[in-house]
Amino acid sequence: MAHNKPNPDDRSDNVEKLQSMIHHTIENMEEAEEAMAFSSAEDQSQIKAKNERRRDSIDAFRSEIRDEANARKK
């Protein structure tokens, strides 16, 4: 029976990964807002709701970046 050894917790590039996730999320928001011009009222409502959730995610990413930056200082 093989023993699976867990990967070490490598957090060295978490800030960069989070910044990339923020960038992609903003791009998705912009694309969704452009699509609204061609969408029904119902779809527009769903896009607005999804973009609001994306804004919440961006806030969480930024908070996590601050936590990671503080952890790097220690």
PDB file of N, CA and C in Angstrom:
ATOM      1  N   MET A   1       0.849  -1.179   0.000  1.00  0.00           N
ATOM      2  CA  MET A   1       0.000   0.000   0.000  1.00  0.00           C
ATOM      3  C   MET A   1       0.891   1.237   0.000  1.00  0.00           C
ATOM      4  N   ALA A   2       0.646   2.150  -0.918  1.00  0.00           N
ATOM      5  CA  ALA A   2       1.456   3.363  -1.030  1.00  0.00           C
ATOM      6  C   ALA A   2       0.986   4.392  -0.012  1.00  0.00           C
ATOM      7  N   HIS A   3       1.944   5.066   0.578  1.00  0.00           N
ATOM      8  CA  HIS A   3       1.617   6.127   1.525  1.00  0.00           C
ATOM      9  C   HIS A   3       1.718   7.446   0.793  1.00  0.00           C
ATOM     10  N   ASN A   4       0.619   8.163   0.755  1.00  0.00           N
ATOM     11  CA  ASN A   4       0.622   9.469   0.101  1.00  0.00           C
ATOM     12  C   ASN A   4       1.077  10.524   1.098  1.00  0.00           C
ATOM     13  N   LYS A   5       2.154  11.167   0.763  1.00  0.00           N
ATOM     14  CA  LYS A   5       2.697  12.213   1.622  1.00  0.00           C
ATOM     15  C   LYS A   5       2.100  13.551   1.167  1.00  0.00           C
ATOM     16  N   PRO A   6       1.526  14.314   2.075  1.00  0.00           N
ATOM     17  CA  PRO A   6       0.943  15.588   1.655  1.00  0.00           C
ATOM     18  C   PRO A   6       2.027  16.550   1.169  1.00  0.00           C
ATOM     19  N   ASN A   7       1.649  17.364   0.213  1.00  0.00           N
ATOM     20  CA  ASN A   7       2.581  18.366  -0.288  1.00  0.00           C
ATOM     21  C   ASN A   7       2.846  19.400   0.792  1.00  0.00           C
ATOM     22  N   PRO A   8       4.056  19.916   0.850  1.00  0.00           N
ATOM     23  CA  PRO A   8       4.338  20.969   1.835  1.00  0.00           C
ATOM     24  C   PRO A   8       3.525  22.223   1.517  1.00  0.00           C
ATOM     25  N   ASP A   9       3.225  22.982   2.532  1.00  0.00           N
ATOM     26  CA  ASP A   9       2.436  24.199   2.374  1.00  0.00           C
ATOM     27  C   ASP A   9       3.334  25.306   1.824  1.00  0.00           C
ATOM     28  N   ASP A  10       3.333  25.465   0.505  1.00  0.00           N
ATOM     29  CA  ASP A  10       4.155  26.492  -0.146  1.00  0.00           C
ATOM     30  C   ASP A  10       3.287  27.702  -0.432  1.00  0.00           C
ATOM     31  N   ARG A  11       3.451  28.724   0.377  1.00  0.00           N
ATOM     32  CA  ARG A  11       2.637  29.933   0.245  1.00  0.00           C
ATOM     33  C   ARG A  11       3.433  31.067  -0.382  1.00  0.00           C
ATOM     34  N   SER A  12       4.594  30.761  -0.922  1.00  0.00           N
ATOM     35  CA  SER A  12       5.499  31.811  -1.387  1.00  0.00           C
ATOM     36  C   SER A  12       4.923  32.650  -2.521  1.00  0.00           C
ATOM     37  N   ASP A  13       4.025  32.072  -3.318  1.00  0.00           N
ATOM     38  CA  ASP A  13       3.489  32.841  -4.439  1.00  0.00           C
ATOM     39  C   ASP A  13       1.989  33.112  -4.310  1.00  0.00           C
ATOM     40  N   ASN A  14       1.448  32.996  -3.100  1.00  0.00           N
ATOM     41  CA  ASN A  14       0.016  33.222  -2.908  1.00  0.00           C
ATOM     42  C   ASN A  14      -0.415  34.627  -3.293  1.00  0.00           C
ATOM     43  N   VAL A  15       0.385  35.634  -2.957  1.00  0.00           N
ATOM     44  CA  VAL A  15       0.009  37.010  -3.273  1.00  0.00           C
ATOM     45  C   VAL A  15      -0.116  37.173  -4.783  1.00  0.00           C
ATOM     46  N   GLU A  16       0.842  36.637  -5.520  1.00  0.00           N
ATOM     47  CA  GLU A  16       0.807  36.743  -6.975  1.00  0.00           C
ATOM     48  C   GLU A  16      -0.405  36.013  -7.548  1.00  0.00           C
ATOM     49  N   LYS A  17      -0.705  34.841  -7.005  1.00  0.00           N
ATOM     50  CA  LYS A  17      -1.869  34.082  -7.475  1.00  0.00           C
ATOM     51  C   LYS A  17      -3.152  34.854  -7.200  1.00  0.00           C
ATOM     52  N   LEU A  18      -3.250  35.437  -6.017  1.00  0.00           N
ATOM     53  CA  LEU A  18      -4.443  36.212  -5.673  1.00  0.00           C
ATOM     54  C   LEU A  18      -4.584  37.438  -6.572  1.00  0.00           C
ATOM     55  N   GLN A  19      -3.467  38.110  -6.854  1.00  0.00           N
ATOM     56  CA  GLN A  19      -3.524  39.268  -7.743  1.00  0.00           C
ATOM     57  C   GLN A  19      -3.981  38.853  -9.138  1.00  0.00           C
ATOM     58  N   SER A  20      -3.531  37.707  -9.602  1.00  0.00           N
ATOM     59  CA  SER A  20      -3.953  37.192 -10.898  1.00  0.00           C
ATOM     60  C   SER A  20      -5.452  36.879 -10.885  1.00  0.00           C
ATOM     61  N   MET A  21      -5.928  36.304  -9.792  1.00  0.00           N
ATOM     62  CA  MET A  21      -7.355  35.993  -9.680  1.00  0.00           C
ATOM     63  C   MET A  21      -8.186  37.272  -9.697  1.00  0.00           C
ATOM     64  N   ILE A  22      -7.711  38.321  -9.034  1.00  0.00           N
ATOM     65  CA  ILE A  22      -8.408  39.605  -9.053  1.00  0.00           C
ATOM     66  C   ILE A  22      -8.470  40.127 -10.487  1.00  0.00           C
ATOM     67  N   HIS A  23      -7.345  40.077 -11.181  1.00  0.00           N
ATOM     68  CA  HIS A  23      -7.281  40.570 -12.559  1.00  0.00           C
ATOM     69  C   HIS A  23      -8.289  39.836 -13.446  1.00  0.00           C
ATOM     70  N   HIS A  24      -8.336  38.510 -13.348  1.00  0.00           N
ATOM     71  CA  HIS A  24      -9.257  37.729 -14.174  1.00  0.00           C
ATOM     72  C   HIS A  24     -10.709  37.994 -13.799  1.00  0.00           C
ATOM     73  N   THR A  25     -10.968  38.174 -12.527  1.00  0.00           N
ATOM     74  CA  THR A  25     -12.333  38.456 -12.081  1.00  0.00           C
ATOM     75  C   THR A  25     -12.802  39.803 -12.631  1.00  0.00           C
ATOM     76  N   ILE A  26     -11.930  40.806 -12.608  1.00  0.00           N
ATOM     77  CA  ILE A  26     -12.281  42.117 -13.163  1.00  0.00           C
ATOM     78  C   ILE A  26     -12.541  42.006 -14.661  1.00  0.00           C
ATOM     79  N   GLU A  27     -11.707  41.240 -15.364  1.00  0.00           N
ATOM     80  CA  GLU A  27     -11.935  41.036 -16.799  1.00  0.00           C
ATOM     81  C   GLU A  27     -13.295  40.388 -17.044  1.00  0.00           C
ATOM     82  N   ASN A  28     -13.645  39.389 -16.238  1.00  0.00           N
ATOM     83  CA  ASN A  28     -14.941  38.726 -16.383  1.00  0.00           C
ATOM     84  C   ASN A  28     -16.086  39.699 -16.127  1.00  0.00           C
ATOM     85  N   MET A  29     -15.921  40.576 -15.148  1.00  0.00           N
ATOM     86  CA  MET A  29     -16.954  41.573 -14.861  1.00  0.00           C
ATOM     87  C   MET A  29     -17.145  42.510 -16.054  1.00  0.00           C
ATOM     88  N   GLU A  30     -16.040  42.955 -16.621  1.00  0.00           N
ATOM     89  CA  GLU A  30     -16.118  43.871 -17.756  1.00  0.00           C
ATOM     90  C   GLU A  30     -16.781  43.198 -18.955  1.00  0.00           C
ATOM     91  N   GLU A  31     -16.431  41.957 -19.223  1.00  0.00           N
ATOM     92  CA  GLU A  31     -17.048  41.219 -20.329  1.00  0.00           C
ATOM     93  C   GLU A  31     -18.541  41.032 -20.086  1.00  0.00           C
ATOM     94  N   ALA A  32     -18.910  40.735 -18.855  1.00  0.00           N
ATOM     95  CA  ALA A  32     -20.319  40.545 -18.527  1.00  0.00           C
ATOM     96  C   ALA A  32     -21.097  41.844 -18.718  1.00  0.00           C
ATOM     97  N   GLU A  33     -20.498  42.963 -18.317  1.00  0.00           N
ATOM     98  CA  GLU A  33     -21.188  44.241 -18.482  1.00  0.00           C
ATOM     99  C   GLU A  33     -21.356  44.589 -19.959  1.00  0.00           C
ATOM    100  N   GLU A  34     -20.377  44.245 -20.783  1.00  0.00           N
ATOM    101  CA  GLU A  34     -20.507  44.461 -22.225  1.00  0.00           C
ATOM    102  C   GLU A  34     -21.629  43.595 -22.791  1.00  0.00           C
ATOM    103  N   ALA A  35     -21.760  42.370 -22.302  1.00  0.00           N
ATOM    104  CA  ALA A  35     -22.792  41.443 -22.778  1.00  0.00           C
ATOM    105  C   ALA A  35     -24.191  41.915 -22.395  1.00  0.00           C
ATOM    106  N   MET A  36     -24.281  42.726 -21.353  1.00  0.00           N
ATOM    107  CA  MET A  36     -25.600  43.200 -20.910  1.00  0.00           C
ATOM    108  C   MET A  36     -26.322  43.974 -22.006  1.00  0.00           C
ATOM    109  N   ALA A  37     -25.583  44.641 -22.891  1.00  0.00           N
ATOM    110  CA  ALA A  37     -26.202  45.417 -23.964  1.00  0.00           C
ATOM    111  C   ALA A  37     -27.017  44.521 -24.893  1.00  0.00           C
ATOM    112  N   PHE A  38     -26.694  43.237 -24.931  1.00  0.00           N
ATOM    113  CA  PHE A  38     -27.362  42.308 -25.833  1.00  0.00           C
ATOM    114  C   PHE A  38     -28.214  41.296 -25.081  1.00  0.00           C
ATOM    115  N   SER A  39     -28.488  41.562 -23.810  1.00  0.00           N
ATOM    116  CA  SER A  39     -29.164  40.592 -22.955  1.00  0.00           C
ATOM    117  C   SER A  39     -30.580  41.034 -22.626  1.00  0.00           C
ATOM    118  N   SER A  40     -31.402  40.054 -22.307  1.00  0.00           N
ATOM    119  CA  SER A  40     -32.769  40.334 -21.854  1.00  0.00           C
ATOM    120  C   SER A  40     -32.721  40.946 -20.461  1.00  0.00           C
ATOM    121  N   ALA A  41     -33.832  41.487 -20.031  1.00  0.00           N
ATOM    122  CA  ALA A  41     -33.912  42.096 -18.699  1.00  0.00           C
ATOM    123  C   ALA A  41     -33.588  41.069 -17.617  1.00  0.00           C
ATOM    124  N   GLU A  42     -34.069  39.843 -17.797  1.00  0.00           N
ATOM    125  CA  GLU A  42     -33.796  38.788 -16.809  1.00  0.00           C
ATOM    126  C   GLU A  42     -32.300  38.471 -16.763  1.00  0.00           C
ATOM    127  N   ASP A  43     -31.692  38.338 -17.941  1.00  0.00           N
ATOM    128  CA  ASP A  43     -30.258  38.059 -17.991  1.00  0.00           C
ATOM    129  C   ASP A  43     -29.456  39.210 -17.395  1.00  0.00           C
ATOM    130  N   GLN A  44     -29.881  40.433 -17.663  1.00  0.00           N
ATOM    131  CA  GLN A  44     -29.190  41.596 -17.101  1.00  0.00           C
ATOM    132  C   GLN A  44     -29.232  41.564 -15.584  1.00  0.00           C
ATOM    133  N   SER A  45     -30.370  41.187 -15.046  1.00  0.00           N
ATOM    134  CA  SER A  45     -30.500  41.086 -13.586  1.00  0.00           C
ATOM    135  C   SER A  45     -29.546  40.032 -13.033  1.00  0.00           C
ATOM    136  N   GLN A  46     -29.437  38.892 -13.726  1.00  0.00           N
ATOM    137  CA  GLN A  46     -28.537  37.831 -13.283  1.00  0.00           C
ATOM    138  C   GLN A  46     -27.078  38.275 -13.390  1.00  0.00           C
ATOM    139  N   ILE A  47     -26.750  39.010 -14.454  1.00  0.00           N
ATOM    140  CA  ILE A  47     -25.380  39.503 -14.629  1.00  0.00           C
ATOM    141  C   ILE A  47     -25.032  40.485 -13.508  1.00  0.00           C
ATOM    142  N   LYS A  48     -25.963  41.374 -13.188  1.00  0.00           N
ATOM    143  CA  LYS A  48     -25.717  42.337 -12.103  1.00  0.00           C
ATOM    144  C   LYS A  48     -25.481  41.618 -10.784  1.00  0.00           C
ATOM    145  N   ALA A  49     -26.284  40.599 -10.519  1.00  0.00           N
ATOM    146  CA  ALA A  49     -26.133  39.838  -9.270  1.00  0.00           C
ATOM    147  C   ALA A  49     -24.783  39.112  -9.251  1.00  0.00           C
ATOM    148  N   LYS A  50     -24.407  38.527 -10.383  1.00  0.00           N
ATOM    149  CA  LYS A  50     -23.136  37.804 -10.434  1.00  0.00           C
ATOM    150  C   LYS A  50     -21.968  38.772 -10.261  1.00  0.00           C
ATOM    151  N   ASN A  51     -22.053  39.940 -10.883  1.00  0.00           N
ATOM    152  CA  ASN A  51     -20.973  40.913 -10.740  1.00  0.00           C
ATOM    153  C   ASN A  51     -20.876  41.420  -9.306  1.00  0.00           C
ATOM    154  N   GLU A  52     -22.000  41.487  -8.619  1.00  0.00           N
ATOM    155  CA  GLU A  52     -21.953  41.884  -7.205  1.00  0.00           C
ATOM    156  C   GLU A  52     -21.218  40.817  -6.398  1.00  0.00           C
ATOM    157  N   ARG A  53     -21.477  39.560  -6.698  1.00  0.00           N
ATOM    158  CA  ARG A  53     -20.759  38.472  -6.015  1.00  0.00           C
ATOM    159  C   ARG A  53     -19.269  38.526  -6.370  1.00  0.00           C
ATOM    160  N   ARG A  54     -18.969  38.899  -7.608  1.00  0.00           N
ATOM    161  CA  ARG A  54     -17.564  39.039  -8.007  1.00  0.00           C
ATOM    162  C   ARG A  54     -16.891  40.160  -7.220  1.00  0.00           C
ATOM    163  N   ARG A  55     -17.609  41.273  -7.006  1.00  0.00           N
ATOM    164  CA  ARG A  55     -17.045  42.371  -6.195  1.00  0.00           C
ATOM    165  C   ARG A  55     -16.735  41.889  -4.779  1.00  0.00           C
ATOM    166  N   ASP A  56     -17.644  41.103  -4.228  1.00  0.00           N
ATOM    167  CA  ASP A  56     -17.416  40.534  -2.894  1.00  0.00           C
ATOM    168  C   ASP A  56     -16.174  39.645  -2.893  1.00  0.00           C
ATOM    169  N   SER A  57     -16.012  38.854  -3.953  1.00  0.00           N
ATOM    170  CA  SER A  57     -14.836  37.989  -4.062  1.00  0.00           C
ATOM    171  C   SER A  57     -13.561  38.809  -4.144  1.00  0.00           C
ATOM    172  N   ILE A  58     -13.601  39.881  -4.915  1.00  0.00           N
ATOM    173  CA  ILE A  58     -12.424  40.747  -5.035  1.00  0.00           C
ATOM    174  C   ILE A  58     -12.057  41.319  -3.676  1.00  0.00           C
ATOM    175  N   ASP A  59     -13.054  41.761  -2.909  1.00  0.00           N
ATOM    176  CA  ASP A  59     -12.786  42.268  -1.559  1.00  0.00           C
ATOM    177  C   ASP A  59     -12.132  41.195  -0.696  1.00  0.00           C
ATOM    178  N   ALA A  60     -12.622  39.957  -0.809  1.00  0.00           N
ATOM    179  CA  ALA A  60     -12.053  38.852  -0.030  1.00  0.00           C
ATOM    180  C   ALA A  60     -10.627  38.556  -0.484  1.00  0.00           C
ATOM    181  N   PHE A  61     -10.389  38.595  -1.807  1.00  0.00           N
ATOM    182  CA  PHE A  61      -9.030  38.383  -2.320  1.00  0.00           C
ATOM    183  C   PHE A  61      -8.083  39.438  -1.762  1.00  0.00           C
ATOM    184  N   ARG A  62      -8.525  40.684  -1.763  1.00  0.00           N
ATOM    185  CA  ARG A  62      -7.668  41.777  -1.281  1.00  0.00           C
ATOM    186  C   ARG A  62      -7.369  41.618   0.203  1.00  0.00           C
ATOM    187  N   SER A  63      -8.348  41.181   0.964  1.00  0.00           N
ATOM    188  CA  SER A  63      -8.134  40.934   2.385  1.00  0.00           C
ATOM    189  C   SER A  63      -7.125  39.808   2.580  1.00  0.00           C
ATOM    190  N   GLU A  64      -7.245  38.786   1.754  1.00  0.00           N
ATOM    191  CA  GLU A  64      -6.315  37.662   1.839  1.00  0.00           C
ATOM    192  C   GLU A  64      -4.896  38.094   1.458  1.00  0.00           C
ATOM    193  N   ILE A  65      -4.798  38.986   0.471  1.00  0.00           N
ATOM    194  CA  ILE A  65      -3.484  39.506   0.076  1.00  0.00           C
ATOM    195  C   ILE A  65      -2.849  40.235   1.259  1.00  0.00           C
ATOM    196  N   ARG A  66      -3.639  41.034   1.964  1.00  0.00           N
ATOM    197  CA  ARG A  66      -3.099  41.735   3.141  1.00  0.00           C
ATOM    198  C   ARG A  66      -2.621  40.734   4.184  1.00  0.00           C
ATOM    199  N   ASP A  67      -3.400  39.681   4.411  1.00  0.00           N
ATOM    200  CA  ASP A  67      -3.007  38.647   5.375  1.00  0.00           C
ATOM    201  C   ASP A  67      -1.707  37.970   4.949  1.00  0.00           C
ATOM    202  N   GLU A  68      -1.609  37.645   3.671  1.00  0.00           N
ATOM    203  CA  GLU A  68      -0.401  36.990   3.159  1.00  0.00           C
ATOM    204  C   GLU A  68       0.800  37.923   3.264  1.00  0.00           C
ATOM    205  N   ALA A  69       0.610  39.191   2.950  1.00  0.00           N
ATOM    206  CA  ALA A  69       1.713  40.167   3.029  1.00  0.00           C
ATOM    207  C   ALA A  69       2.192  40.290   4.470  1.00  0.00           C
ATOM    208  N   ASN A  70       1.251  40.319   5.412  1.00  0.00           N
ATOM    209  CA  ASN A  70       1.628  40.386   6.833  1.00  0.00           C
ATOM    210  C   ASN A  70       2.370  39.121   7.259  1.00  0.00           C
ATOM    211  N   ALA A  71       1.926  37.964   6.750  1.00  0.00           N
ATOM    212  CA  ALA A  71       2.582  36.706   7.105  1.00  0.00           C
ATOM    213  C   ALA A  71       4.016  36.672   6.563  1.00  0.00           C
ATOM    214  N   ARG A  72       4.244  37.271   5.414  1.00  0.00           N
ATOM    215  CA  ARG A  72       5.579  37.304   4.835  1.00  0.00           C
ATOM    216  C   ARG A  72       6.534  38.148   5.680  1.00  0.00           C
ATOM    217  N   LYS A  73       5.995  39.173   6.332  1.00  0.00           N
ATOM    218  CA  LYS A  73       6.829  40.063   7.146  1.00  0.00           C
ATOM    219  C   LYS A  73       7.315  39.374   8.409  1.00  0.00           C
ATOM    220  N   LYS A  74       6.570  38.378   8.854  1.00  0.00           N
ATOM    221  CA  LYS A  74       6.904  37.707  10.123  1.00  0.00           C
ATOM    222  C   LYS A  74       7.970  36.676   9.958  1.00  0.00           C
TER     223      LYS A  74
END
